[in-house]
Every structure is written in C-alpha cells, then in structure tokens.
Amino acid sequence: MTPMEKAGWTPLPHSDEDLERSKSVPDTPQTRAETYRLAWNDPDFMTRRELRAVRLQLELLKPEMILAERGIRSTVILFGGARLPEPGGEAWAAKNEMQKKNLEENSKYYEEARKFARLCSQQSATSYYREYVVVTGGGPGVMEAGNRGADDVGAPSIGLNIVLPHEQAPNPYVTPELCFNFHYFAIRKMHFVMRAKAVAVFPGGFGTMDEFFETLTLIQTGRMERVPVILFGKSFWKRAIDLDFLAEQGTISPGDQDIIDFVDTADEAWGIISRFYKLGSE
C-alpha cells in the first residue's frame, strides 16, 4: 500500500494505474511517438538539461522517503579512502613500491573501521536500528569495512554510491534495501550529513578531504549542529593537514581545531561518541 493509500482513498487514478492503461492502447504511429509517453515515464525527457532541477529534487526525495519509512533517525558517517586494502589483501591501487608499502601499512585502518562500525551497530540495535546507523559511500576500502562491520553483527547499513567515470559497484555488505545511487554529488553530501550524529574520517585522498572539510565548514559556520568529528590515524592526519598553522595564519579562528578529535583505535572513537551523547549514563 502506498503512503497516499494509507492516508485515505482518492477518486483520482494513481500514476501506476495510468502507466498500465497506457500499455493497452492501440499500436499506432501516434502512440509510438515519443511525445505520447507519460512525461515521468520518458527517459529522454527526464534526462534533458532543462529537467535538472526536477532530478535534483528526485535525488533528494527518494532516499529521504525510504529512510523515513524505515524509521532511521540518525547515522554515523564513515569517510575514508577507497584504495585502502583489507589487511593481507592486495594494494591494487599502488602505482609504485612506496605506495604499495604505505597502503599495506594503512590497511590497519580497514580493520579499525570495521570494528568501529560494529560498535556503532551494537548501539544501533538498542533502538531497533533507528539511531547510529552506519552510512558509507558504498564502495571499496574504508567504505566496505564500515558496511562489513555492521554486517558482522547482523545490523543494516546504508551505502550512498555515486556514478563515476570509472565503474564503481556497491560493496557486497551494504544492506540492499538501503543501497542508493546518485548522479549529483551535492545531493549525496546532503544525505550524508542530514542525519549524522558523528563523523569518522579515515585516511584517504581528495574525496575524503572534500567530505571532511565540507563537514568542518558546516559546523564552523553553524549550518550544522556540533557533532563529534573524529580523525582516525594521528600520524597520517598530522602530516596531511596542519590546522594549527591555519590558526597561526589567521585563516581560521583560534579554537576551530577543537571541532576535531584524533584517535588511532575504534575504542577511542566510540568512547568520544559515548561521552558526547552520555550513552549508558541514563
């Protein structure tokens, strides 16, 4: 039963009923014409540049409606590199021996991401998987580890995939009914933060940096409520970014660095979230 049907009877036909009726019309040059197609059932029309605003709205609405129907109220985001292998796995993205060595060393964060997702999911179970639901970008590396950790304890998890020039298939641990695909990065980013109660960022590249700094900007400017923002890998991030330098230069305010916590383990990270939300203290 559709939400409209649950809300009450209507004398107007539903779109799915009209779609079925349109299949039974006589086969004529007129009914075969592209202009005769129902507008919302016409891929050529729906993908026109002029329909971009409609497509943006649809990409916002579809996951929002499904997550709401599922009762999911809050999430924990796992950002991180797609190139990080599982411990003992192949460093498939390495372009030279130094990259291979470093990716293999950083594979420890795959295991920490998996463990962290298990901890989040165990808390999520206390709310019947409505709170602290793990959400990732749905791909390989750290994203796979996050969805896999949830799967380890039988919990659902969300994957927000994106269409890229090179093929990206969802990792096999995303809950199929919560596996989404996006064309617009902007709408995907909105869905990451709209329900976020915590943001965990693991070693990664440009995409990870983009997601991390956008979250910082939203919190810094007051466009997003303060939530724990946790960077996994102290030694990695101390070299990758220097927030103290930015504060010294005056390009951020003194104290903006305090938005972030640095950790090396899943237990440390979950401790920060537990203290922030006073979990287990009721």
C-alpha atoms as a PDB file:
ATOM      1  CA  MET A   1       0.000   0.000   0.000  1.00  0.00           C
ATOM      2  CA  THR A   2       1.383   3.415  -0.935  1.00  0.00           C
ATOM      3  CA  PRO A   3       1.596   6.315   1.564  1.00  0.00           C
ATOM      4  CA  MET A   4      -1.189   8.001  -0.414  1.00  0.00           C
ATOM      5  CA  GLU A   5      -3.412   4.951   0.003  1.00  0.00           C
ATOM      6  CA  LYS A   6      -2.624   4.814   3.721  1.00  0.00           C
ATOM      7  CA  ALA A   7      -3.673   8.452   4.001  1.00  0.00           C
ATOM      8  CA  GLY A   8      -7.080   7.709   2.514  1.00  0.00           C
ATOM      9  CA  TRP A   9      -8.984   6.961  -0.649  1.00  0.00           C
ATOM     10  CA  THR A  10      -8.812   9.329  -3.606  1.00  0.00           C
ATOM     11  CA  PRO A  11     -11.025   9.371  -6.707  1.00  0.00           C
ATOM     12  CA  LEU A  12      -8.040  10.238  -8.923  1.00  0.00           C
ATOM     13  CA  PRO A  13      -6.096   7.397 -10.574  1.00  0.00           C
ATOM     14  CA  HIS A  14      -2.579   6.742  -9.331  1.00  0.00           C
ATOM     15  CA  SER A  15       0.331   7.086 -11.710  1.00  0.00           C
ATOM     16  CA  ASP A  16       1.000   3.340 -11.727  1.00  0.00           C
ATOM     17  CA  GLU A  17      -2.595   2.733 -12.819  1.00  0.00           C
ATOM     18  CA  ASP A  18      -2.243   5.189 -15.686  1.00  0.00           C
ATOM     19  CA  LEU A  19       1.018   3.552 -16.704  1.00  0.00           C
ATOM     20  CA  GLU A  20      -0.730   0.181 -17.008  1.00  0.00           C
ATOM     21  CA  ARG A  21      -3.551   1.726 -19.006  1.00  0.00           C
ATOM     22  CA  SER A  22      -1.082   3.348 -21.389  1.00  0.00           C
ATOM     23  CA  LYS A  23       0.313  -0.100 -22.266  1.00  0.00           C
ATOM     24  CA  SER A  24      -3.039  -1.291 -23.606  1.00  0.00           C
ATOM     25  CA  VAL A  25      -3.624   1.444 -26.182  1.00  0.00           C
ATOM     26  CA  PRO A  26      -3.638   0.532 -29.912  1.00  0.00           C
ATOM     27  CA  ASP A  27      -0.230   0.366 -31.584  1.00  0.00           C
ATOM     28  CA  THR A  28      -0.280   3.315 -33.983  1.00  0.00           C
ATOM     29  CA  PRO A  29       2.251   5.894 -35.205  1.00  0.00           C
ATOM     30  CA  GLN A  30       0.703   8.307 -32.739  1.00  0.00           C
ATOM     31  CA  THR A  31       1.048   6.055 -29.679  1.00  0.00           C
ATOM     32  CA  ARG A  32       4.615   5.117 -30.696  1.00  0.00           C
ATOM     33  CA  ALA A  33       5.660   8.771 -30.814  1.00  0.00           C
ATOM     34  CA  GLU A  34       7.992   9.950 -28.045  1.00  0.00           C
ATOM     35  CA  THR A  35       5.667  12.861 -27.348  1.00  0.00           C
ATOM     36  CA  TYR A  36       2.891  10.424 -26.369  1.00  0.00           C
ATOM     37  CA  ARG A  37       4.867   8.951 -23.474  1.00  0.00           C
ATOM     38  CA  LEU A  38       3.834   9.963 -19.974  1.00  0.00           C
ATOM     39  CA  ALA A  39       6.340  12.671 -19.027  1.00  0.00           C
ATOM     40  CA  TRP A  40       7.653  10.931 -15.906  1.00  0.00           C
ATOM     41  CA  ASN A  41       7.991   7.640 -17.809  1.00  0.00           C
ATOM     42  CA  ASP A  42      10.007   9.185 -20.641  1.00  0.00           C
ATOM     43  CA  PRO A  43      13.772   8.762 -20.019  1.00  0.00           C
ATOM     44  CA  ASP A  44      14.693  11.024 -22.919  1.00  0.00           C
ATOM     45  CA  PHE A  45      12.586  13.812 -21.446  1.00  0.00           C
ATOM     46  CA  MET A  46      13.616  13.240 -17.817  1.00  0.00           C
ATOM     47  CA  THR A  47      17.328  13.434 -18.683  1.00  0.00           C
ATOM     48  CA  ARG A  48      17.124  16.716 -20.578  1.00  0.00           C
ATOM     49  CA  ARG A  49      19.254  19.541 -19.192  1.00  0.00           C
ATOM     50  CA  GLU A  50      16.130  21.615 -18.542  1.00  0.00           C
ATOM     51  CA  LEU A  51      14.928  18.947 -16.094  1.00  0.00           C
ATOM     52  CA  ARG A  52      17.990  19.206 -13.853  1.00  0.00           C
ATOM     53  CA  ALA A  53      16.035  20.930 -11.069  1.00  0.00           C
ATOM     54  CA  VAL A  54      13.479  18.107 -11.094  1.00  0.00           C
ATOM     55  CA  ARG A  55      16.203  15.442 -10.987  1.00  0.00           C
ATOM     56  CA  LEU A  56      17.871  17.203  -8.043  1.00  0.00           C
ATOM     57  CA  GLN A  57      14.568  17.114  -6.189  1.00  0.00           C
ATOM     58  CA  LEU A  58      14.020  13.450  -7.004  1.00  0.00           C
ATOM     59  CA  GLU A  59      17.503  12.516  -5.762  1.00  0.00           C
ATOM     60  CA  LEU A  60      16.764  14.306  -2.506  1.00  0.00           C
ATOM     61  CA  LEU A  61      13.301  12.790  -2.103  1.00  0.00           C
ATOM     62  CA  LYS A  62      13.901   9.134  -2.947  1.00  0.00           C
ATOM     63  CA  PRO A  63      16.423   8.270  -0.198  1.00  0.00           C
ATOM     64  CA  GLU A  64      14.726  10.638   2.251  1.00  0.00           C
ATOM     65  CA  MET A  65      11.379   8.887   1.862  1.00  0.00           C
ATOM     66  CA  ILE A  66      12.875   5.399   2.071  1.00  0.00           C
ATOM     67  CA  LEU A  67      14.971   6.181   5.161  1.00  0.00           C
ATOM     68  CA  ALA A  68      11.981   7.826   6.837  1.00  0.00           C
ATOM     69  CA  GLU A  69       9.749   4.846   6.062  1.00  0.00           C
ATOM     70  CA  ARG A  70      12.428   2.604   7.570  1.00  0.00           C
ATOM     71  CA  GLY A  71      12.384   4.747  10.716  1.00  0.00           C
ATOM     72  CA  ILE A  72      16.071   5.687  10.541  1.00  0.00           C
ATOM     73  CA  ARG A  73      16.547   8.852  12.583  1.00  0.00           C
ATOM     74  CA  SER A  74      20.316   9.173  12.938  1.00  0.00           C
ATOM     75  CA  THR A  75      23.525   7.872  11.380  1.00  0.00           C
ATOM     76  CA  VAL A  76      27.262   7.627  11.932  1.00  0.00           C
ATOM     77  CA  ILE A  77      29.279   8.509   8.831  1.00  0.00           C
ATOM     78  CA  LEU A  78      32.426   6.651   7.836  1.00  0.00           C
ATOM     79  CA  PHE A  79      34.519   8.568   5.303  1.00  0.00           C
ATOM     80  CA  GLY A  80      37.827   7.214   4.022  1.00  0.00           C
ATOM     81  CA  GLY A  81      39.908   6.010   1.147  1.00  0.00           C
ATOM     82  CA  ALA A  82      38.560   3.558  -1.402  1.00  0.00           C
ATOM     83  CA  ARG A  83      42.149   2.405  -2.010  1.00  0.00           C
ATOM     84  CA  LEU A  84      42.900   1.055   1.463  1.00  0.00           C
ATOM     85  CA  PRO A  85      43.072  -2.739   1.280  1.00  0.00           C
ATOM     86  CA  GLU A  86      41.952  -5.261   3.846  1.00  0.00           C
ATOM     87  CA  PRO A  87      44.896  -6.444   5.985  1.00  0.00           C
ATOM     88  CA  GLY A  88      46.684  -9.091   3.952  1.00  0.00           C
ATOM     89  CA  GLY A  89      44.853  -8.016   0.800  1.00  0.00           C
ATOM     90  CA  GLU A  90      46.281  -6.667  -2.413  1.00  0.00           C
ATOM     91  CA  ALA A  91      47.172  -2.972  -2.586  1.00  0.00           C
ATOM     92  CA  TRP A  92      45.534  -2.784  -6.009  1.00  0.00           C
ATOM     93  CA  ALA A  93      45.736   0.997  -6.281  1.00  0.00           C
ATOM     94  CA  ALA A  94      49.503   1.262  -5.726  1.00  0.00           C
ATOM     95  CA  LYS A  95      51.425   2.878  -8.582  1.00  0.00           C
ATOM     96  CA  ASN A  96      54.888   2.216  -7.152  1.00  0.00           C
ATOM     97  CA  GLU A  97      56.615   0.356  -4.336  1.00  0.00           C
ATOM     98  CA  MET A  98      56.370   3.241  -1.874  1.00  0.00           C
ATOM     99  CA  GLN A  99      52.604   3.487  -2.368  1.00  0.00           C
ATOM    100  CA  LYS A 100      52.287  -0.277  -2.024  1.00  0.00           C
ATOM    101  CA  LYS A 101      54.201  -0.210   1.272  1.00  0.00           C
ATOM    102  CA  ASN A 102      52.177   2.689   2.670  1.00  0.00           C
ATOM    103  CA  LEU A 103      48.808   1.298   1.598  1.00  0.00           C
ATOM    104  CA  GLU A 104      49.667  -2.027   3.199  1.00  0.00           C
ATOM    105  CA  GLU A 105      50.685  -0.278   6.418  1.00  0.00           C
ATOM    106  CA  ASN A 106      47.499   1.791   6.427  1.00  0.00           C
ATOM    107  CA  SER A 107      45.399  -1.337   5.922  1.00  0.00           C
ATOM    108  CA  LYS A 108      45.191  -1.459   9.728  1.00  0.00           C
ATOM    109  CA  TYR A 109      42.557   1.274   9.411  1.00  0.00           C
ATOM    110  CA  TYR A 110      40.362  -1.065   7.395  1.00  0.00           C
ATOM    111  CA  GLU A 111      40.192  -3.281  10.473  1.00  0.00           C
ATOM    112  CA  GLU A 112      39.618  -0.305  12.789  1.00  0.00           C
ATOM    113  CA  ALA A 113      36.806   0.950  10.547  1.00  0.00           C
ATOM    114  CA  ARG A 114      35.228  -2.492  10.620  1.00  0.00           C
ATOM    115  CA  LYS A 115      35.482  -2.661  14.414  1.00  0.00           C
ATOM    116  CA  PHE A 116      34.160   0.897  14.801  1.00  0.00           C
ATOM    117  CA  ALA A 117      31.143   0.050  12.633  1.00  0.00           C
ATOM    118  CA  ARG A 118      30.458  -2.973  14.835  1.00  0.00           C
ATOM    119  CA  LEU A 119      30.448  -0.758  17.938  1.00  0.00           C
ATOM    120  CA  CYS A 120      28.104   1.742  16.290  1.00  0.00           C
ATOM    121  CA  SER A 121      25.805  -1.047  15.136  1.00  0.00           C
ATOM    122  CA  GLN A 122      25.650  -2.649  18.569  1.00  0.00           C
ATOM    123  CA  GLN A 123      24.428   0.685  19.926  1.00  0.00           C
ATOM    124  CA  SER A 124      22.045   0.964  16.975  1.00  0.00           C
ATOM    125  CA  ALA A 125      20.492  -2.378  17.938  1.00  0.00           C
ATOM    126  CA  THR A 126      19.243  -0.845  21.207  1.00  0.00           C
ATOM    127  CA  SER A 127      16.999   1.469  19.165  1.00  0.00           C
ATOM    128  CA  TYR A 128      15.861  -1.240  16.742  1.00  0.00           C
ATOM    129  CA  TYR A 129      18.314   0.195  14.195  1.00  0.00           C
ATOM    130  CA  ARG A 130      16.777   3.653  14.145  1.00  0.00           C
ATOM    131  CA  GLU A 131      19.738   5.504  15.683  1.00  0.00           C
ATOM    132  CA  TYR A 132      23.506   5.399  14.990  1.00  0.00           C
ATOM    133  CA  VAL A 133      23.048   3.512  11.718  1.00  0.00           C
ATOM    134  CA  VAL A 134      26.329   3.199   9.798  1.00  0.00           C
ATOM    135  CA  VAL A 135      26.442   5.053   6.474  1.00  0.00           C
ATOM    136  CA  THR A 136      29.289   4.955   3.953  1.00  0.00           C
ATOM    137  CA  GLY A 137      29.879   5.867   0.334  1.00  0.00           C
ATOM    138  CA  GLY A 138      29.062   2.270  -0.546  1.00  0.00           C
ATOM    139  CA  GLY A 139      32.311   1.485  -2.371  1.00  0.00           C
ATOM    140  CA  PRO A 140      35.525  -0.418  -1.551  1.00  0.00           C
ATOM    141  CA  GLY A 141      38.243   0.244   1.046  1.00  0.00           C
ATOM    142  CA  VAL A 142      37.150   2.005   4.217  1.00  0.00           C
ATOM    143  CA  MET A 143      33.582   2.131   2.904  1.00  0.00           C
ATOM    144  CA  GLU A 144      33.494  -1.647   2.539  1.00  0.00           C
ATOM    145  CA  ALA A 145      34.966  -2.024   6.032  1.00  0.00           C
ATOM    146  CA  GLY A 146      32.195   0.111   7.505  1.00  0.00           C
ATOM    147  CA  ASN A 147      29.358  -1.799   5.875  1.00  0.00           C
ATOM    148  CA  ARG A 148      31.117  -5.072   6.650  1.00  0.00           C
ATOM    149  CA  GLY A 149      31.405  -4.224  10.343  1.00  0.00           C
ATOM    150  CA  ALA A 150      27.666  -3.623  10.527  1.00  0.00           C
ATOM    151  CA  ASP A 151      27.044  -6.875   8.676  1.00  0.00           C
ATOM    152  CA  ASP A 152      29.270  -8.709  11.170  1.00  0.00           C
ATOM    153  CA  VAL A 153      26.683  -8.116  13.892  1.00  0.00           C
ATOM    154  CA  GLY A 154      23.613  -8.504  11.710  1.00  0.00           C
ATOM    155  CA  ALA A 155      22.870  -4.780  11.518  1.00  0.00           C
ATOM    156  CA  PRO A 156      21.622  -2.835   8.498  1.00  0.00           C
ATOM    157  CA  SER A 157      23.867  -0.186   6.974  1.00  0.00           C
ATOM    158  CA  ILE A 158      23.483   2.447   4.286  1.00  0.00           C
ATOM    159  CA  GLY A 159      25.532   2.894   1.110  1.00  0.00           C
ATOM    160  CA  LEU A 160      25.394   6.187  -0.794  1.00  0.00           C
ATOM    161  CA  ASN A 161      27.010   5.329  -4.107  1.00  0.00           C
ATOM    162  CA  ILE A 162      27.859   7.822  -6.846  1.00  0.00           C
ATOM    163  CA  VAL A 163      28.083   7.387 -10.617  1.00  0.00           C
ATOM    164  CA  LEU A 164      31.734   7.944 -11.600  1.00  0.00           C
ATOM    165  CA  PRO A 165      33.602   7.877 -14.935  1.00  0.00           C
ATOM    166  CA  HIS A 166      35.209   4.639 -13.813  1.00  0.00           C
ATOM    167  CA  GLU A 167      32.870   1.895 -12.709  1.00  0.00           C
ATOM    168  CA  GLN A 168      32.054   1.719  -9.001  1.00  0.00           C
ATOM    169  CA  ALA A 169      29.918  -1.176  -7.869  1.00  0.00           C
ATOM    170  CA  PRO A 170      28.407  -1.262  -4.367  1.00  0.00           C
ATOM    171  CA  ASN A 171      30.345  -3.413  -1.952  1.00  0.00           C
ATOM    172  CA  PRO A 172      28.559  -6.656  -1.010  1.00  0.00           C
ATOM    173  CA  TYR A 173      27.985  -5.670   2.627  1.00  0.00           C
ATOM    174  CA  VAL A 174      25.597  -2.746   2.062  1.00  0.00           C
ATOM    175  CA  THR A 175      22.027  -3.613   3.028  1.00  0.00           C
ATOM    176  CA  PRO A 176      20.373  -3.991  -0.416  1.00  0.00           C
ATOM    177  CA  GLU A 177      17.238  -2.064   0.593  1.00  0.00           C
ATOM    178  CA  LEU A 178      19.469   0.812   1.782  1.00  0.00           C
ATOM    179  CA  CYS A 179      21.792   0.905  -1.222  1.00  0.00           C
ATOM    180  CA  PHE A 180      21.332   4.177  -3.113  1.00  0.00           C
ATOM    181  CA  ASN A 181      22.929   5.623  -6.224  1.00  0.00           C
ATOM    182  CA  PHE A 182      23.428   9.306  -7.012  1.00  0.00           C
ATOM    183  CA  HIS A 183      24.257  11.425 -10.019  1.00  0.00           C
ATOM    184  CA  TYR A 184      24.681  14.676  -8.074  1.00  0.00           C
ATOM    185  CA  PHE A 185      27.494  14.939  -5.535  1.00  0.00           C
ATOM    186  CA  ALA A 186      25.704  17.832  -3.806  1.00  0.00           C
ATOM    187  CA  ILE A 187      22.584  15.798  -3.009  1.00  0.00           C
ATOM    188  CA  ARG A 188      24.660  12.812  -1.908  1.00  0.00           C
ATOM    189  CA  LYS A 189      26.558  15.059   0.504  1.00  0.00           C
ATOM    190  CA  MET A 190      23.288  16.364   1.919  1.00  0.00           C
ATOM    191  CA  HIS A 191      22.162  12.819   2.662  1.00  0.00           C
ATOM    192  CA  PHE A 192      25.436  12.103   4.427  1.00  0.00           C
ATOM    193  CA  VAL A 193      25.030  14.938   6.922  1.00  0.00           C
ATOM    194  CA  MET A 194      21.251  15.285   7.285  1.00  0.00           C
ATOM    195  CA  ARG A 195      21.043  12.585   9.965  1.00  0.00           C
ATOM    196  CA  ALA A 196      24.659  12.473  11.169  1.00  0.00           C
ATOM    197  CA  LYS A 197      25.312  12.138  14.902  1.00  0.00           C
ATOM    198  CA  ALA A 198      29.037  11.557  14.367  1.00  0.00           C
ATOM    199  CA  VAL A 199      31.577  11.705  11.553  1.00  0.00           C
ATOM    200  CA  ALA A 200      34.538   9.322  11.454  1.00  0.00           C
ATOM    201  CA  VAL A 201      37.212  10.105   8.878  1.00  0.00           C
ATOM    202  CA  PHE A 202      39.878   7.569   7.950  1.00  0.00           C
ATOM    203  CA  PRO A 203      42.983   8.086   5.795  1.00  0.00           C
ATOM    204  CA  GLY A 204      42.004   8.932   2.236  1.00  0.00           C
ATOM    205  CA  GLY A 205      42.547  11.209  -0.724  1.00  0.00           C
ATOM    206  CA  PHE A 206      40.786  14.094  -2.426  1.00  0.00           C
ATOM    207  CA  GLY A 207      37.281  12.684  -1.967  1.00  0.00           C
ATOM    208  CA  THR A 208      37.840  12.086   1.743  1.00  0.00           C
ATOM    209  CA  MET A 209      39.345  15.561   2.168  1.00  0.00           C
ATOM    210  CA  ASP A 210      36.393  17.105   0.343  1.00  0.00           C
ATOM    211  CA  GLU A 211      33.839  15.394   2.573  1.00  0.00           C
ATOM    212  CA  PHE A 212      35.843  16.138   5.730  1.00  0.00           C
ATOM    213  CA  PHE A 213      36.358  19.844   5.069  1.00  0.00           C
ATOM    214  CA  GLU A 214      32.780  20.367   3.951  1.00  0.00           C
ATOM    215  CA  THR A 215      31.593  18.900   7.260  1.00  0.00           C
ATOM    216  CA  LEU A 216      34.001  21.157   9.165  1.00  0.00           C
ATOM    217  CA  THR A 217      32.728  24.196   7.275  1.00  0.00           C
ATOM    218  CA  LEU A 218      29.098  23.369   8.055  1.00  0.00           C
ATOM    219  CA  ILE A 219      29.887  23.057  11.765  1.00  0.00           C
ATOM    220  CA  GLN A 220      32.179  26.105  11.851  1.00  0.00           C
ATOM    221  CA  THR A 221      29.536  28.309  10.220  1.00  0.00           C
ATOM    222  CA  GLY A 222      26.689  26.996  12.349  1.00  0.00           C
ATOM    223  CA  ARG A 223      24.883  25.435   9.407  1.00  0.00           C
ATOM    224  CA  MET A 224      25.170  22.041  11.097  1.00  0.00           C
ATOM    225  CA  GLU A 225      24.914  21.165  14.772  1.00  0.00           C
ATOM    226  CA  ARG A 226      28.125  20.309  16.558  1.00  0.00           C
ATOM    227  CA  VAL A 227      28.721  16.557  16.399  1.00  0.00           C
ATOM    228  CA  PRO A 228      31.869  14.526  17.086  1.00  0.00           C
ATOM    229  CA  VAL A 229      34.260  14.716  14.131  1.00  0.00           C
ATOM    230  CA  ILE A 230      36.896  12.038  14.613  1.00  0.00           C
ATOM    231  CA  LEU A 231      40.047  11.553  12.548  1.00  0.00           C
ATOM    232  CA  PHE A 232      41.483   8.045  12.618  1.00  0.00           C
ATOM    233  CA  GLY A 233      45.266   7.916  12.266  1.00  0.00           C
ATOM    234  CA  LYS A 234      47.064  10.600  14.249  1.00  0.00           C
ATOM    235  CA  SER A 235      50.340  10.277  12.370  1.00  0.00           C
ATOM    236  CA  PHE A 236      48.598  10.363   8.972  1.00  0.00           C
ATOM    237  CA  TRP A 237      46.491  13.439   9.642  1.00  0.00           C
ATOM    238  CA  LYS A 238      49.203  15.397  11.463  1.00  0.00           C
ATOM    239  CA  ARG A 239      51.146  15.329   8.202  1.00  0.00           C
ATOM    240  CA  ALA A 240      48.185  15.629   5.831  1.00  0.00           C
ATOM    241  CA  ILE A 241      46.734  18.776   7.442  1.00  0.00           C
ATOM    242  CA  ASP A 242      48.085  21.409   9.811  1.00  0.00           C
ATOM    243  CA  LEU A 243      45.204  23.206  11.472  1.00  0.00           C
ATOM    244  CA  ASP A 244      47.493  24.877  13.999  1.00  0.00           C
ATOM    245  CA  PHE A 245      49.271  26.537  11.075  1.00  0.00           C
ATOM    246  CA  LEU A 246      45.934  27.809   9.724  1.00  0.00           C
ATOM    247  CA  ALA A 247      45.089  29.247  13.147  1.00  0.00           C
ATOM    248  CA  GLU A 248      48.507  30.918  13.369  1.00  0.00           C
ATOM    249  CA  GLN A 249      47.945  32.456   9.928  1.00  0.00           C
ATOM    250  CA  GLY A 250      44.542  33.762  10.996  1.00  0.00           C
ATOM    251  CA  THR A 251      42.642  31.913   8.263  1.00  0.00           C
ATOM    252  CA  ILE A 252      40.626  30.054  10.902  1.00  0.00           C
ATOM    253  CA  SER A 253      39.731  31.188  14.406  1.00  0.00           C
ATOM    254  CA  PRO A 254      41.680  30.016  17.448  1.00  0.00           C
ATOM    255  CA  GLY A 255      39.790  27.031  18.796  1.00  0.00           C
ATOM    256  CA  ASP A 256      38.405  25.895  15.452  1.00  0.00           C
ATOM    257  CA  GLN A 257      40.830  22.992  15.739  1.00  0.00           C
ATOM    258  CA  ASP A 258      38.821  21.774  18.727  1.00  0.00           C
ATOM    259  CA  ILE A 259      36.000  20.674  16.426  1.00  0.00           C
ATOM    260  CA  ILE A 260      38.176  17.624  15.699  1.00  0.00           C
ATOM    261  CA  ASP A 261      39.372  14.683  17.780  1.00  0.00           C
ATOM    262  CA  PHE A 262      42.293  12.481  16.745  1.00  0.00           C
ATOM    263  CA  VAL A 263      42.299   8.752  17.526  1.00  0.00           C
ATOM    264  CA  ASP A 264      44.031   5.573  16.453  1.00  0.00           C
ATOM    265  CA  THR A 265      41.508   2.953  17.528  1.00  0.00           C
ATOM    266  CA  ALA A 266      37.811   2.191  17.301  1.00  0.00           C
ATOM    267  CA  ASP A 267      37.504   2.001  21.084  1.00  0.00           C
ATOM    268  CA  GLU A 268      38.884   5.536  21.448  1.00  0.00           C
ATOM    269  CA  ALA A 269      36.451   6.826  18.852  1.00  0.00           C
ATOM    270  CA  TRP A 270      33.421   5.153  20.372  1.00  0.00           C
ATOM    271  CA  GLY A 271      34.433   6.490  23.776  1.00  0.00           C
ATOM    272  CA  ILE A 272      34.299  10.039  22.391  1.00  0.00           C
ATOM    273  CA  ILE A 273      30.814   9.481  20.975  1.00  0.00           C
ATOM    274  CA  SER A 274      29.580   7.803  24.162  1.00  0.00           C
ATOM    275  CA  ARG A 275      30.773  10.698  26.310  1.00  0.00           C
ATOM    276  CA  PHE A 276      29.392  13.317  23.925  1.00  0.00           C
ATOM    277  CA  TYR A 277      25.890  11.795  23.990  1.00  0.00           C
ATOM    278  CA  LYS A 278      26.144  10.386  27.543  1.00  0.00           C
ATOM    279  CA  LEU A 279      25.313   6.908  26.283  1.00  0.00           C
ATOM    280  CA  GLY A 280      24.811   4.347  29.007  1.00  0.00           C
ATOM    281  CA  SER A 281      24.542   7.043  31.700  1.00  0.00           C
ATOM    282  CA  GLU A 282      20.753   7.119  31.854  1.00  0.00           C
END
